[in-house]
Protein backbone atom coordinates (compact mmCIF):
# COMPACT_ATOMS: atom_id res chain seq x y z
CA GLY A 1 -19.65 -8.21 -4.16
CA GLY A 2 -16.97 -8.86 -5.83
CA GLY A 3 -16.19 -10.41 -9.32
CA LEU A 4 -15.14 -8.90 -12.51
CA VAL A 5 -17.96 -7.79 -15.37
CA GLU A 6 -16.70 -7.76 -18.94
CA THR A 7 -16.14 -4.20 -20.55
CA PHE A 8 -18.93 -4.69 -23.09
CA ALA A 9 -21.48 -4.90 -20.64
CA PHE A 10 -20.24 -2.21 -18.10
CA GLY A 11 -22.56 0.24 -17.09
CA GLY A 12 -25.76 -1.56 -17.64
CA GLU A 13 -28.39 -3.20 -15.61
CA GLU A 14 -27.89 -5.92 -13.07
CA PRO A 15 -28.78 -9.16 -14.94
CA ALA A 16 -31.98 -10.66 -14.32
CA GLU A 17 -30.52 -13.88 -13.63
CA GLY A 18 -27.26 -15.55 -12.57
CA GLN A 19 -25.80 -12.34 -10.67
CA SER A 20 -23.55 -14.43 -8.77
CA GLY A 21 -21.52 -15.13 -11.80
CA GLY A 22 -21.19 -17.89 -14.51
CA ASP A 23 -21.10 -18.77 -17.72
CA GLY A 24 -23.74 -17.72 -20.12
CA VAL A 25 -25.10 -14.83 -18.14
CA ARG A 26 -27.41 -12.42 -19.98
CA LEU A 27 -27.06 -8.89 -19.45
CA GLN A 28 -28.41 -5.98 -21.27
CA ALA A 29 -26.06 -3.72 -23.21
CA PRO A 30 -25.78 0.03 -21.80
CA LEU A 31 -27.12 2.82 -23.48
CA THR A 32 -23.27 4.54 -23.64
CA PRO A 33 -20.71 1.69 -24.39
CA LEU A 34 -17.44 1.83 -22.02
CA SER A 35 -15.06 3.46 -24.79
CA LEU A 36 -11.24 3.80 -24.47
CA ALA A 37 -11.75 7.63 -24.01
CA ARG A 38 -14.26 7.09 -21.51
CA ALA A 39 -12.16 4.94 -19.22
CA VAL A 40 -9.28 7.05 -19.73
CA ALA A 41 -11.58 9.71 -18.57
CA ILE A 42 -12.61 8.02 -15.48
CA SER A 43 -9.02 6.84 -14.45
CA SER A 44 -7.68 10.66 -14.88
CA ALA A 45 -10.40 12.26 -12.67
CA ALA A 46 -8.26 12.39 -9.77
CA PHE A 47 -10.57 15.14 -8.54
CA GLY A 48 -13.56 12.54 -8.26
CA ALA A 49 -13.46 12.64 -4.65
CA ALA A 50 -13.35 15.93 -3.68
CA ALA A 51 -16.09 16.57 -6.09
CA SER A 52 -18.20 14.24 -4.56
CA ARG A 53 -17.95 16.23 -1.18
CA ALA A 54 -18.26 19.44 -2.50
CA GLY A 55 -21.01 21.92 -3.18
CA VAL A 56 -22.02 25.15 -4.72
CA ALA A 57 -25.77 26.70 -4.12
CA GLY A 58 -27.17 23.67 -3.14
CA ILE A 59 -25.74 21.31 -6.47
CA ALA A 60 -23.18 18.80 -5.42
CA ALA A 61 -20.48 19.16 -7.67
CA GLY A 62 -19.69 15.42 -8.14
CA SER A 63 -23.10 15.00 -9.82
CA LYS A 64 -22.22 17.79 -12.33
CA PHE A 65 -18.27 16.86 -13.05
CA ASP A 66 -17.64 13.48 -11.93
CA PRO A 67 -17.97 10.29 -14.35
CA GLN A 68 -20.85 8.47 -13.47
CA ALA A 69 -22.26 4.87 -14.48
CA ASN A 70 -24.30 1.98 -13.30
CA LEU A 71 -22.57 -0.18 -11.19
CA TRP A 72 -23.72 -3.83 -9.58
CA PRO A 73 -22.04 -6.35 -7.74
CA VAL A 74 -21.26 -9.80 -8.43
CA THR A 75 -23.11 -11.72 -5.74
CA SER A 76 -21.54 -14.68 -3.53
CA PRO A 77 -23.43 -16.72 -0.67
CA LYS A 78 -21.42 -14.02 1.86
CA HIS A 79 -23.05 -11.07 -0.13
CA PRO A 80 -26.33 -12.60 -1.13
CA GLY A 81 -28.62 -10.91 -3.88
CA PRO A 82 -30.31 -9.81 -6.20
CA ARG A 83 -28.67 -6.38 -5.86
CA PRO A 84 -29.98 -3.67 -7.91
CA ALA A 85 -27.57 -1.48 -10.52
CA ILE A 86 -26.87 2.23 -8.92
CA THR A 87 -25.93 4.61 -10.22
CA TYR A 88 -21.99 6.03 -9.06
CA GLN A 89 -19.93 8.71 -9.45
CA LEU A 90 -16.44 7.31 -10.62
CA GLY A 91 -13.12 8.52 -10.30
CA ASP A 92 -9.65 7.71 -10.53
CA GLY A 93 -8.64 4.59 -8.40
CA SER A 94 -5.98 6.57 -6.34
CA ASN A 95 -9.17 7.90 -4.63
CA LEU A 96 -9.50 4.38 -2.58
CA ASP A 97 -6.21 2.63 -3.42
CA ASN A 98 -3.21 3.98 -5.18
CA THR A 99 -1.22 0.36 -5.34
CA GLY A 100 -3.97 -1.75 -6.09
CA MET A 101 -2.78 -4.08 -3.30
CA ILE A 102 -5.91 -4.38 -1.88
CA ALA A 103 -7.51 -6.22 -5.22
CA ALA A 104 -4.88 -8.28 -5.28
CA LEU A 105 -5.28 -9.52 -1.89
CA GLN A 106 -8.98 -9.86 -2.41
CA ARG A 107 -8.24 -12.26 -5.43
CA GLY A 108 -6.00 -14.20 -2.98
CA ALA A 109 -2.49 -13.22 -4.30
CA SER A 110 -0.05 -14.49 -1.75
CA THR A 111 3.03 -12.85 -3.95
CA LEU A 112 2.56 -9.22 -4.64
CA VAL A 113 5.37 -6.40 -6.10
CA ALA A 114 3.94 -3.11 -4.92
CA LEU A 115 5.48 -0.30 -7.14
CA ILE A 116 4.58 2.80 -5.25
CA ASN A 117 5.29 5.74 -7.52
CA ASN A 118 4.98 8.43 -4.56
CA ASP A 119 5.34 12.26 -5.18
CA GLU A 120 7.68 12.50 -2.35
CA GLY A 121 10.77 10.57 -0.89
CA LEU A 122 11.53 9.79 2.33
CA PRO A 123 12.06 13.19 4.69
CA ALA A 124 15.17 14.51 5.00
CA GLY A 125 17.12 15.12 7.91
CA GLY A 126 16.80 13.58 11.19
CA ASP A 127 16.80 9.99 12.32
CA LEU A 128 13.58 8.23 10.97
CA CYS A 129 14.73 5.14 12.88
CA ALA A 130 14.54 7.24 16.21
CA ARG A 131 11.44 9.29 14.99
CA ALA A 132 9.48 5.68 14.00
CA ARG A 133 9.89 4.08 17.40
CA GLN A 134 8.44 6.85 19.47
CA PRO A 135 5.46 5.80 21.23
CA GLY A 136 1.96 7.22 19.44
CA ALA A 137 4.50 8.32 16.34
CA ASP A 138 1.97 9.26 13.12
CA LEU A 139 3.87 7.30 10.76
CA SER A 140 2.11 8.74 7.90
CA ALA A 141 4.47 11.13 8.28
CA LEU A 142 7.52 9.43 7.91
CA ALA A 143 7.00 7.73 4.54
CA THR A 144 4.05 8.09 1.51
CA ARG A 145 0.40 7.32 2.75
CA GLN A 146 0.05 4.84 -0.30
CA PHE A 147 2.43 2.82 2.00
CA THR A 148 1.76 3.79 5.47
CA GLU A 149 -1.69 3.37 5.20
CA LYS A 150 -1.76 -0.04 4.63
CA PHE A 151 -0.66 -0.63 8.47
CA GLY A 152 -3.19 1.52 9.84
CA TYR A 153 -1.32 4.93 9.55
CA ASP A 154 -3.32 7.21 7.04
CA GLY A 155 -2.59 10.80 8.51
CA GLU A 156 -4.91 13.40 7.37
CA ALA A 157 -6.42 11.91 4.02
CA GLY A 158 -7.66 15.21 2.78
CA PRO A 159 -10.29 15.66 0.10
CA TYR A 160 -8.73 13.82 -2.54
CA GLY A 161 -9.46 10.16 -1.06
CA PHE A 162 -11.21 7.64 1.22
CA TYR A 163 -8.36 5.84 2.74
CA GLY A 164 -9.79 5.22 6.38
CA HIS A 165 -10.19 1.45 5.72
CA ASN A 166 -7.41 0.65 3.92
CA GLN A 167 -5.40 -1.03 6.90
CA VAL A 168 -4.59 -4.55 5.80
CA PHE A 169 -1.11 -5.25 7.88
CA ALA A 170 -0.29 -4.92 12.07
CA LYS A 171 1.00 -1.03 12.83
CA GLU A 172 3.71 -2.78 14.79
CA GLU A 173 5.27 -4.21 11.25
CA LEU A 174 5.96 -0.51 10.05
CA PRO A 175 8.51 1.01 12.36
CA PRO A 176 11.20 -1.51 11.48
CA MET A 177 10.50 -1.25 7.74
CA ILE A 178 10.50 2.78 7.60
CA CYS A 179 14.28 1.78 9.26
CA LYS A 180 15.29 -0.32 6.87
CA LEU A 181 14.30 2.41 3.77
CA GLU A 182 16.31 4.88 5.70
CA GLN A 183 19.22 2.46 5.58
CA LEU A 184 18.53 1.79 2.09
CA ARG A 185 18.66 5.54 1.07
CA ALA A 186 22.00 6.39 3.33
CA ALA A 187 23.91 3.49 1.44
CA GLY A 188 22.63 5.05 -1.85
CA LYS A 189 20.41 1.85 -2.56
CA PRO A 190 17.19 2.05 -4.58
CA LEU A 191 14.12 1.42 -1.99
CA VAL A 192 13.04 -2.39 -2.40
CA LEU A 193 12.29 -4.20 0.58
CA HIS A 194 11.00 -7.67 0.81
CA ARG A 195 8.76 -8.64 4.08
CA ARG A 196 6.46 -11.57 4.69
CA LEU A 197 3.41 -10.10 6.56
CA ARG A 198 -0.10 -11.68 7.86
CA THR A 199 -2.73 -9.98 6.56
CA LEU A 200 -5.47 -8.57 8.87
CA GLU A 201 -9.63 -9.29 8.76
CA ASN A 202 -11.03 -6.13 6.68
CA ASN A 203 -14.87 -6.10 6.76
CA TRP A 204 -14.42 -3.08 4.65
CA TRP A 205 -12.84 -4.68 1.54
CA GLY A 206 -14.00 -8.56 2.31
CA LEU A 207 -10.87 -9.70 3.51
CA GLN A 208 -10.95 -12.62 6.15
CA GLY A 209 -7.25 -12.17 7.71
CA GLY A 210 -4.74 -14.32 8.79
CA ASP A 211 -2.81 -15.16 5.46
CA MET A 212 0.78 -15.11 5.06
CA VAL A 213 2.07 -12.93 1.53
CA ASP A 214 5.45 -12.29 0.45
CA VAL A 215 5.17 -8.44 -0.68
CA VAL A 216 7.89 -6.75 -2.22
CA PHE A 217 7.55 -2.98 -1.72
CA VAL A 218 9.30 -0.39 -4.06
CA LEU A 219 9.45 3.48 -3.21
CA LEU A 220 10.76 5.88 -5.29
CA ASP A 221 13.71 8.04 -3.67
CA ARG A 222 17.20 9.25 -5.09
CA SER A 223 19.91 6.55 -5.17
CA SER A 224 23.39 7.74 -5.51
CA ASP A 225 24.50 4.14 -6.83
CA PHE A 226 21.96 4.75 -9.68
CA GLU A 227 23.10 8.55 -10.43
CA ALA A 228 26.93 7.66 -10.18
CA ARG A 229 26.09 5.48 -13.27
CA LEU A 230 24.79 8.23 -15.58
CA PRO A 231 26.39 10.28 -18.06
CA ALA A 232 27.91 13.31 -17.12
CA GLU A 233 25.85 15.42 -18.49
CA THR A 234 22.67 13.69 -17.03
CA GLN A 235 24.39 14.21 -13.71
CA ALA A 236 25.21 17.81 -14.45
CA GLU A 237 21.21 18.42 -15.27
CA LEU A 238 20.78 16.46 -12.11
CA ARG A 239 22.54 18.70 -10.16
CA LYS A 240 20.34 21.87 -11.26
CA GLY A 241 17.95 20.64 -8.99
CA SER A 242 14.54 22.42 -9.62
CA ASP A 243 16.11 24.32 -12.55
CA GLY A 244 17.35 21.62 -14.32
CA ARG A 245 15.33 19.25 -16.77
CA PHE A 246 14.30 16.61 -14.14
CA SER A 247 13.13 18.81 -11.38
CA GLY A 248 11.68 16.43 -8.43
CA PHE A 249 13.30 13.34 -9.86
CA PRO A 250 12.33 10.57 -9.41
CA ASN A 251 9.37 11.83 -7.91
CA TYR A 252 8.08 14.25 -10.37
CA ARG A 253 4.49 15.71 -10.42
CA THR A 254 1.66 14.36 -11.42
CA VAL A 255 0.29 17.21 -12.97
CA PHE A 256 1.98 20.13 -14.39
CA GLN A 257 5.69 18.79 -14.00
CA ASN A 258 6.07 20.99 -17.41
CA THR A 259 3.55 23.37 -19.12
CA ASP A 260 1.23 20.53 -20.27
CA LEU A 261 -1.05 19.41 -17.56
CA THR A 262 0.01 15.68 -17.37
CA ALA A 263 2.85 15.04 -19.84
CA TYR A 264 6.61 14.03 -19.41
CA THR A 265 9.33 14.92 -21.89
CA ALA A 266 11.09 12.17 -23.36
CA SER A 267 14.11 12.25 -21.36
CA GLN A 268 12.37 12.45 -17.92
CA ALA A 269 10.10 9.46 -18.65
CA ASN A 270 13.07 7.84 -20.23
CA LEU A 271 15.19 8.49 -16.70
CA LEU A 272 12.52 7.22 -14.80
CA ALA A 273 12.16 3.76 -16.68
CA ALA A 274 15.77 3.21 -16.62
CA PHE A 275 15.58 4.06 -12.74
CA GLY A 276 13.21 1.80 -12.55
CA GLU A 277 15.03 -1.15 -14.32
CA PHE A 278 18.01 -0.41 -12.08
CA ALA A 279 15.83 -1.22 -9.24
CA VAL A 280 14.66 -4.50 -9.73
CA MET A 281 18.11 -5.51 -11.27
CA GLN A 282 19.86 -4.87 -8.45
CA ASN A 283 17.39 -6.71 -7.04
CA ALA A 284 17.15 -9.45 -9.53
CA LYS A 285 17.65 -12.67 -6.99
CA LEU A 286 14.79 -11.43 -4.69
CA PHE A 287 12.38 -11.22 -7.68
CA LYS A 288 13.71 -14.53 -9.18
CA GLU A 289 13.10 -16.11 -5.80
CA LEU A 290 9.76 -15.38 -5.49
CA PHE A 291 8.42 -15.51 -9.21
CA GLN A 292 10.29 -18.88 -10.15
């Protein structure tokens, strides 16, 4: 299926008529409306994939701990209906794709900016260019999986996601891109990389393939150019590493960066926002040309 369902109807039963969409489709109201608090809870359930695979004393953990809702597809000639609503376990979108790129390609986007908030930078030490070009190399070890999985390198996905169907670009496109990312980091630049790529057929996600798309990948890693422009006090704090207020910058943890489960301090958030602005402004010509 595909398409969109308005939030006021999310979680209800499938329509008796017009499941393929259109104006004036009548829907039953769900028993429990989709509140903002519930939507935030679903999008924060990063444990969803792991819980769906776990069981205790014969009881599925996901059925007890994961948010749940009725879902039904918007049908089409390629995926005809009617199709009944089924109760699904729900979780953070990162359990499937943490970049939003696949959903954008499903909608036919031809120009994308992938802001990849990776929690680890490129590996330190060693020539990534040479390692990326080695026959049979596992490139998922050379950059965040959020990036490499789109080229068929998903590595060990572990219990926290389902990424095995996320390849949308050819494998051979990735080695020179990893090499370029390493060169940008060595030069002190933000990791902003533009490529024109041809999509592959992906039946799992309903992509026919063969489309040319412009993609700007933006990854998080240290940038000496940016840090050199910071106030002396901030630079001194960064040099403290894990003992300072900006431990891990710019690759903050998504949980327990501080004593609070998910919160960042104002200074941590502001520094990351300033770095994001710097990365875009240093490549302003590229962004203007793509979106003019």
